[in-house]
Protein backbone atom coordinates (compact mmCIF):
# COMPACT_ATOMS: atom_id res chain seq x y z
CA MET A 1 88.80 -50.99 89.12
CA LEU A 2 88.13 -51.50 92.46
CA PRO A 3 85.30 -53.45 93.72
CA PRO A 4 82.35 -51.24 95.54
CA LYS A 5 82.63 -50.47 99.14
CA SER A 6 80.53 -52.48 101.35
CA GLY A 7 77.06 -51.07 101.66
CA THR A 8 77.12 -49.13 98.54
CA HIS A 9 74.22 -49.65 95.96
CA LEU A 10 75.02 -49.87 92.12
CA MET A 11 72.37 -48.28 90.04
CA SER A 12 71.54 -49.83 86.72
CA TYR A 13 70.92 -48.00 83.36
CA TYR A 14 67.94 -47.87 81.56
CA ARG A 15 66.22 -46.18 79.00
CA ALA A 16 62.70 -45.56 78.46
CA TYR A 17 61.71 -45.26 74.64
CA ILE A 18 58.52 -43.30 73.97
CA ILE A 19 56.73 -44.91 70.80
CA GLY A 20 54.79 -42.62 68.50
CA ARG A 21 51.51 -43.56 67.18
CA ASP A 22 53.44 -44.45 63.59
CA GLY A 23 55.37 -47.08 66.20
CA HIS A 24 58.64 -45.76 65.84
CA PHE A 25 60.67 -44.27 68.55
CA GLN A 26 59.91 -40.54 69.09
CA SER A 27 62.44 -39.99 72.14
CA ALA A 28 64.58 -41.48 74.85
CA VAL A 29 64.72 -40.99 78.57
CA LYS A 30 67.80 -42.14 80.62
CA LEU A 31 66.71 -43.99 84.10
CA ASP A 32 69.16 -44.68 86.68
CA SER A 33 67.36 -47.04 88.72
CA ALA A 34 68.45 -49.70 91.50
CA ASP A 35 66.80 -52.71 89.59
CA ASP A 36 63.82 -53.68 86.94
CA HIS A 37 61.09 -52.89 89.80
CA ALA A 38 62.41 -49.44 90.28
CA ALA A 39 62.80 -48.66 86.63
CA ILE A 40 59.25 -49.67 85.57
CA GLU A 41 57.83 -47.61 88.19
CA SER A 42 59.40 -44.74 86.99
CA ALA A 43 58.83 -45.54 83.29
CA LYS A 44 55.15 -45.74 84.17
CA GLN A 45 55.20 -42.23 84.79
CA LEU A 46 56.39 -41.46 81.09
CA VAL A 47 53.21 -43.73 79.67
CA ASN A 48 50.45 -40.70 78.64
CA ASP A 49 49.25 -40.57 75.43
CA TYR A 50 52.38 -42.80 74.06
CA ASP A 51 53.35 -46.66 74.87
CA VAL A 52 56.72 -46.52 76.50
CA GLU A 53 59.37 -49.66 76.08
CA LEU A 54 61.87 -49.85 78.96
CA TRP A 55 65.08 -51.31 77.96
CA GLN A 56 68.44 -52.39 80.09
CA GLN A 57 71.31 -52.13 77.35
CA ASP A 58 69.90 -54.79 74.87
CA ARG A 59 67.50 -56.44 77.03
CA LEU A 60 63.79 -55.32 76.60
CA VAL A 61 62.56 -55.21 80.47
CA THR A 62 59.00 -54.37 79.37
CA LYS A 63 56.57 -52.49 77.16
CA LEU A 64 53.93 -49.98 78.72
CA THR A 65 50.84 -49.48 76.95
CA THR A 66 48.34 -46.35 77.38
CA SER A 67 45.72 -49.49 77.68
CA ASP A 68 47.50 -50.52 81.10
CA ASP A 69 46.38 -47.50 82.80
CA LYS A 70 42.73 -48.29 82.03
């Protein structure tokens, strides 16, 4: 595999898991983001009536709750 060209940015792959009221994962959304901060900002858009857990592979990045908006 060749190294990336100078000046190119690699995207990191994240998944945002929507958590139902019963505490179980309801669905997942793939996010391609440059870093944790960008992924968190994208995941915040998914928090409506349900909590969201943001993961990068097997690493929990953050949990966003509906109470975070209030």
